[in-house]
Amino acid sequence: MSKNYRWKHPEMTVHDAGGLKNFWEKKIEHHAKQVENENSRISRSALDKLRCEWTRRLEGRLKMLQQPQEEPKKSSLLPIESFHLADKTVA
């Protein structure tokens, strides 16, 4: 290639096998660091904990809704109708 061609097309560079190997090793290393950083970020995230908490709550709610309804507990207080007044007339 002539010197003039390289000036017109700077993106075209010639590398030997060692240069290409180093280039791809750097790319792979950079990608591995990105993957490691992403995994670290995800593990520190509260999103997983929130999902587990919501799943637990929803399962509890579903269990509660699927259980047969119990009769409401009767109050130990006497109803008003049980009291009879001796004199119902007002003077």
N, C-alpha and C. Protein backbone atom coordinates (compact mmCIF):
# COMPACT_ATOMS: atom_id res chain seq x y z
N MET A 1 0.84 -1.17 0.00
CA MET A 1 0.00 0.00 0.00
C MET A 1 0.88 1.23 0.00
N SER A 2 0.42 2.17 -0.73
CA SER A 2 1.19 3.40 -0.78
C SER A 2 0.87 4.28 0.41
N LYS A 3 1.76 5.17 0.71
CA LYS A 3 1.60 6.08 1.82
C LYS A 3 0.37 6.97 1.60
N ASN A 4 0.16 7.33 0.35
CA ASN A 4 -0.95 8.19 0.00
C ASN A 4 -2.29 7.48 0.28
N TYR A 5 -2.40 6.19 0.05
CA TYR A 5 -3.63 5.41 0.27
C TYR A 5 -3.97 5.40 1.76
N ARG A 6 -2.98 5.26 2.60
CA ARG A 6 -3.23 5.24 4.05
C ARG A 6 -3.77 6.58 4.53
N TRP A 7 -3.33 7.67 3.96
CA TRP A 7 -3.82 8.97 4.37
C TRP A 7 -5.29 9.15 3.96
N LYS A 8 -5.66 8.59 2.84
CA LYS A 8 -7.04 8.72 2.37
C LYS A 8 -7.98 7.80 3.14
N HIS A 9 -7.48 6.67 3.60
CA HIS A 9 -8.28 5.68 4.31
C HIS A 9 -7.61 5.30 5.63
N PRO A 10 -7.73 6.17 6.65
CA PRO A 10 -7.03 5.90 7.90
C PRO A 10 -7.61 4.70 8.66
N GLU A 11 -8.86 4.31 8.38
CA GLU A 11 -9.45 3.18 9.08
C GLU A 11 -8.84 1.86 8.63
N MET A 12 -8.20 1.87 7.52
CA MET A 12 -7.57 0.66 6.99
C MET A 12 -6.14 0.58 7.54
N THR A 13 -5.94 -0.31 8.48
CA THR A 13 -4.60 -0.51 9.01
C THR A 13 -4.23 -1.97 8.86
N VAL A 14 -2.99 -2.21 8.75
CA VAL A 14 -2.50 -3.57 8.58
C VAL A 14 -1.91 -4.04 9.89
N HIS A 15 -2.32 -5.25 10.34
CA HIS A 15 -1.81 -5.82 11.58
C HIS A 15 -1.24 -7.20 11.28
N ASP A 16 -0.32 -7.55 12.08
CA ASP A 16 0.20 -8.91 11.96
C ASP A 16 -0.60 -9.81 12.90
N ALA A 17 -0.32 -11.08 12.93
CA ALA A 17 -1.07 -12.04 13.73
C ALA A 17 -0.98 -11.71 15.22
N GLY A 18 0.18 -11.29 15.68
CA GLY A 18 0.36 -10.93 17.10
C GLY A 18 -0.50 -9.73 17.47
N GLY A 19 -0.56 -8.75 16.58
CA GLY A 19 -1.37 -7.57 16.83
C GLY A 19 -2.85 -7.91 16.91
N LEU A 20 -3.31 -8.76 16.00
CA LEU A 20 -4.71 -9.19 16.02
C LEU A 20 -5.03 -9.98 17.28
N LYS A 21 -4.10 -10.85 17.67
CA LYS A 21 -4.31 -11.65 18.89
C LYS A 21 -4.43 -10.72 20.09
N ASN A 22 -3.54 -9.73 20.22
CA ASN A 22 -3.60 -8.79 21.33
C ASN A 22 -4.91 -8.00 21.33
N PHE A 23 -5.32 -7.58 20.11
CA PHE A 23 -6.56 -6.83 19.98
C PHE A 23 -7.74 -7.64 20.53
N TRP A 24 -7.88 -8.90 20.11
CA TRP A 24 -9.01 -9.72 20.54
C TRP A 24 -8.90 -10.12 22.01
N GLU A 25 -7.69 -10.30 22.50
CA GLU A 25 -7.54 -10.60 23.93
C GLU A 25 -8.01 -9.43 24.78
N LYS A 26 -7.69 -8.20 24.33
CA LYS A 26 -8.16 -7.01 25.05
C LYS A 26 -9.68 -6.92 25.00
N LYS A 27 -10.25 -7.19 23.83
CA LYS A 27 -11.71 -7.16 23.69
C LYS A 27 -12.37 -8.19 24.62
N ILE A 28 -11.83 -9.39 24.65
CA ILE A 28 -12.38 -10.45 25.50
C ILE A 28 -12.23 -10.08 26.97
N GLU A 29 -11.10 -9.55 27.35
CA GLU A 29 -10.87 -9.14 28.74
C GLU A 29 -11.84 -8.03 29.14
N HIS A 30 -12.04 -7.07 28.25
CA HIS A 30 -12.97 -5.97 28.52
C HIS A 30 -14.39 -6.51 28.68
N HIS A 31 -14.78 -7.42 27.81
CA HIS A 31 -16.12 -8.01 27.89
C HIS A 31 -16.29 -8.80 29.19
N ALA A 32 -15.26 -9.56 29.59
CA ALA A 32 -15.33 -10.33 30.83
C ALA A 32 -15.50 -9.39 32.04
N LYS A 33 -14.80 -8.25 32.03
CA LYS A 33 -14.94 -7.28 33.11
C LYS A 33 -16.35 -6.71 33.14
N GLN A 34 -16.90 -6.43 31.95
CA GLN A 34 -18.26 -5.90 31.90
C GLN A 34 -19.26 -6.91 32.46
N VAL A 35 -19.12 -8.17 32.09
CA VAL A 35 -20.02 -9.22 32.58
C VAL A 35 -19.89 -9.35 34.10
N GLU A 36 -18.67 -9.32 34.60
CA GLU A 36 -18.44 -9.42 36.05
C GLU A 36 -19.06 -8.22 36.78
N ASN A 37 -18.88 -7.02 36.25
CA ASN A 37 -19.47 -5.83 36.86
C ASN A 37 -21.00 -5.91 36.86
N GLU A 38 -21.57 -6.39 35.77
CA GLU A 38 -23.02 -6.51 35.68
C GLU A 38 -23.54 -7.54 36.69
N ASN A 39 -22.86 -8.66 36.81
CA ASN A 39 -23.27 -9.68 37.79
C ASN A 39 -23.16 -9.14 39.21
N SER A 40 -22.13 -8.38 39.47
CA SER A 40 -21.95 -7.78 40.79
C SER A 40 -23.07 -6.79 41.07
N ARG A 41 -23.40 -5.98 40.08
CA ARG A 41 -24.47 -4.99 40.24
C ARG A 41 -25.81 -5.67 40.51
N ILE A 42 -26.08 -6.73 39.79
CA ILE A 42 -27.34 -7.46 39.96
C ILE A 42 -27.40 -8.10 41.34
N SER A 43 -26.28 -8.66 41.81
CA SER A 43 -26.29 -9.30 43.13
C SER A 43 -26.49 -8.29 44.25
N ARG A 44 -26.05 -7.05 44.05
CA ARG A 44 -26.24 -6.01 45.07
C ARG A 44 -27.63 -5.39 45.00
N SER A 45 -28.31 -5.62 43.91
CA SER A 45 -29.61 -4.99 43.69
C SER A 45 -30.65 -5.53 44.67
N ALA A 46 -31.56 -4.67 45.07
CA ALA A 46 -32.64 -5.08 45.98
C ALA A 46 -33.81 -5.68 45.22
N LEU A 47 -33.75 -5.65 43.91
CA LEU A 47 -34.87 -6.14 43.10
C LEU A 47 -35.18 -7.60 43.37
N ASP A 48 -34.16 -8.42 43.47
CA ASP A 48 -34.38 -9.85 43.73
C ASP A 48 -35.04 -10.05 45.09
N LYS A 49 -34.59 -9.30 46.09
CA LYS A 49 -35.17 -9.41 47.43
C LYS A 49 -36.63 -8.97 47.41
N LEU A 50 -36.92 -7.89 46.67
CA LEU A 50 -38.30 -7.42 46.58
C LEU A 50 -39.19 -8.44 45.89
N ARG A 51 -38.68 -9.07 44.83
CA ARG A 51 -39.46 -10.09 44.13
C ARG A 51 -39.78 -11.25 45.06
N CYS A 52 -38.80 -11.69 45.84
CA CYS A 52 -39.03 -12.79 46.79
C CYS A 52 -40.07 -12.39 47.83
N GLU A 53 -39.96 -11.17 48.33
CA GLU A 53 -40.90 -10.69 49.35
C GLU A 53 -42.32 -10.64 48.78
N TRP A 54 -42.47 -10.11 47.57
CA TRP A 54 -43.80 -10.03 46.97
C TRP A 54 -44.35 -11.42 46.65
N THR A 55 -43.50 -12.33 46.22
CA THR A 55 -43.95 -13.69 45.95
C THR A 55 -44.45 -14.34 47.22
N ARG A 56 -43.72 -14.15 48.32
CA ARG A 56 -44.12 -14.71 49.61
C ARG A 56 -45.46 -14.12 50.05
N ARG A 57 -45.61 -12.81 49.89
CA ARG A 57 -46.87 -12.17 50.28
C ARG A 57 -48.04 -12.66 49.43
N LEU A 58 -47.81 -12.77 48.12
CA LEU A 58 -48.89 -13.23 47.25
C LEU A 58 -49.27 -14.68 47.53
N GLU A 59 -48.29 -15.52 47.84
CA GLU A 59 -48.60 -16.91 48.18
C GLU A 59 -49.42 -16.97 49.47
N GLY A 60 -49.07 -16.14 50.45
CA GLY A 60 -49.83 -16.09 51.70
C GLY A 60 -51.25 -15.62 51.45
N ARG A 61 -51.39 -14.61 50.62
CA ARG A 61 -52.73 -14.09 50.31
C ARG A 61 -53.56 -15.15 49.57
N LEU A 62 -52.92 -15.85 48.63
CA LEU A 62 -53.62 -16.89 47.88
C LEU A 62 -54.06 -18.02 48.80
N LYS A 63 -53.18 -18.40 49.74
CA LYS A 63 -53.52 -19.44 50.71
C LYS A 63 -54.71 -19.02 51.56
N MET A 64 -54.67 -17.76 51.98
CA MET A 64 -55.75 -17.25 52.82
C MET A 64 -57.08 -17.26 52.06
N LEU A 65 -57.05 -16.90 50.79
CA LEU A 65 -58.28 -16.85 49.99
C LEU A 65 -58.81 -18.25 49.67
N GLN A 66 -57.93 -19.24 49.60
CA GLN A 66 -58.34 -20.59 49.26
C GLN A 66 -58.86 -21.38 50.46
N GLN A 67 -58.56 -20.93 51.66
CA GLN A 67 -59.04 -21.62 52.86
C GLN A 67 -60.54 -21.42 52.99
N PRO A 68 -61.25 -22.43 53.50
CA PRO A 68 -62.70 -22.26 53.69
C PRO A 68 -62.96 -21.16 54.71
N GLN A 69 -64.01 -20.42 54.44
CA GLN A 69 -64.35 -19.31 55.33
C GLN A 69 -64.85 -19.84 56.67
N GLU A 70 -64.32 -19.34 57.75
CA GLU A 70 -64.75 -19.73 59.08
C GLU A 70 -65.92 -18.83 59.49
N GLU A 71 -66.76 -19.38 60.34
CA GLU A 71 -67.86 -18.58 60.86
C GLU A 71 -67.26 -17.47 61.72
N PRO A 72 -67.84 -16.28 61.64
CA PRO A 72 -67.30 -15.21 62.49
C PRO A 72 -67.50 -15.55 63.96
N LYS A 73 -66.55 -15.22 64.75
CA LYS A 73 -66.63 -15.51 66.19
C LYS A 73 -67.75 -14.69 66.81
N LYS A 74 -68.51 -15.35 67.67
CA LYS A 74 -69.60 -14.64 68.34
C LYS A 74 -69.03 -13.82 69.48
N SER A 75 -69.60 -12.68 69.62
CA SER A 75 -69.14 -11.77 70.66
C SER A 75 -69.62 -12.27 72.01
N SER A 76 -68.82 -12.05 73.03
CA SER A 76 -69.21 -12.45 74.38
C SER A 76 -70.19 -11.44 74.99
N LEU A 77 -70.37 -10.32 74.31
CA LEU A 77 -71.30 -9.31 74.81
C LEU A 77 -72.72 -9.71 74.45
N LEU A 78 -73.66 -9.42 75.30
CA LEU A 78 -75.06 -9.74 75.05
C LEU A 78 -75.66 -8.69 74.13
N PRO A 79 -76.51 -9.12 73.21
CA PRO A 79 -77.15 -8.12 72.34
C PRO A 79 -78.16 -7.30 73.12
N ILE A 80 -78.50 -6.16 72.59
CA ILE A 80 -79.41 -5.25 73.27
C ILE A 80 -80.80 -5.88 73.42
N GLU A 81 -81.24 -6.69 72.46
CA GLU A 81 -82.57 -7.29 72.50
C GLU A 81 -82.75 -8.21 73.71
N SER A 82 -81.70 -8.70 74.29
CA SER A 82 -81.84 -9.64 75.40
C SER A 82 -82.25 -8.94 76.69
N PHE A 83 -82.13 -7.64 76.77
CA PHE A 83 -82.54 -6.91 77.96
C PHE A 83 -84.01 -6.54 77.82
N HIS A 84 -84.82 -7.00 78.79
CA HIS A 84 -86.24 -6.67 78.80
C HIS A 84 -86.49 -5.68 79.93
N LEU A 85 -87.14 -4.63 79.57
CA LEU A 85 -87.46 -3.64 80.59
C LEU A 85 -88.78 -4.06 81.26
N ALA A 86 -88.87 -3.90 82.53
CA ALA A 86 -90.07 -4.30 83.27
C ALA A 86 -91.25 -3.42 82.89
N ASP A 87 -91.04 -2.14 82.79
CA ASP A 87 -92.14 -1.24 82.48
C ASP A 87 -91.82 -0.55 81.17
N LYS A 88 -92.61 -0.87 80.16
CA LYS A 88 -92.35 -0.30 78.85
C LYS A 88 -93.14 0.98 78.63
N THR A 89 -93.99 1.33 79.54
CA THR A 89 -94.80 2.55 79.38
C THR A 89 -94.11 3.71 80.04
N VAL A 90 -94.26 4.82 79.46
CA VAL A 90 -93.66 6.03 80.02
C VAL A 90 -94.78 6.83 80.66
N ALA A 91 -94.61 7.29 81.87
CA ALA A 91 -95.68 7.97 82.60
C ALA A 91 -95.95 9.33 82.10
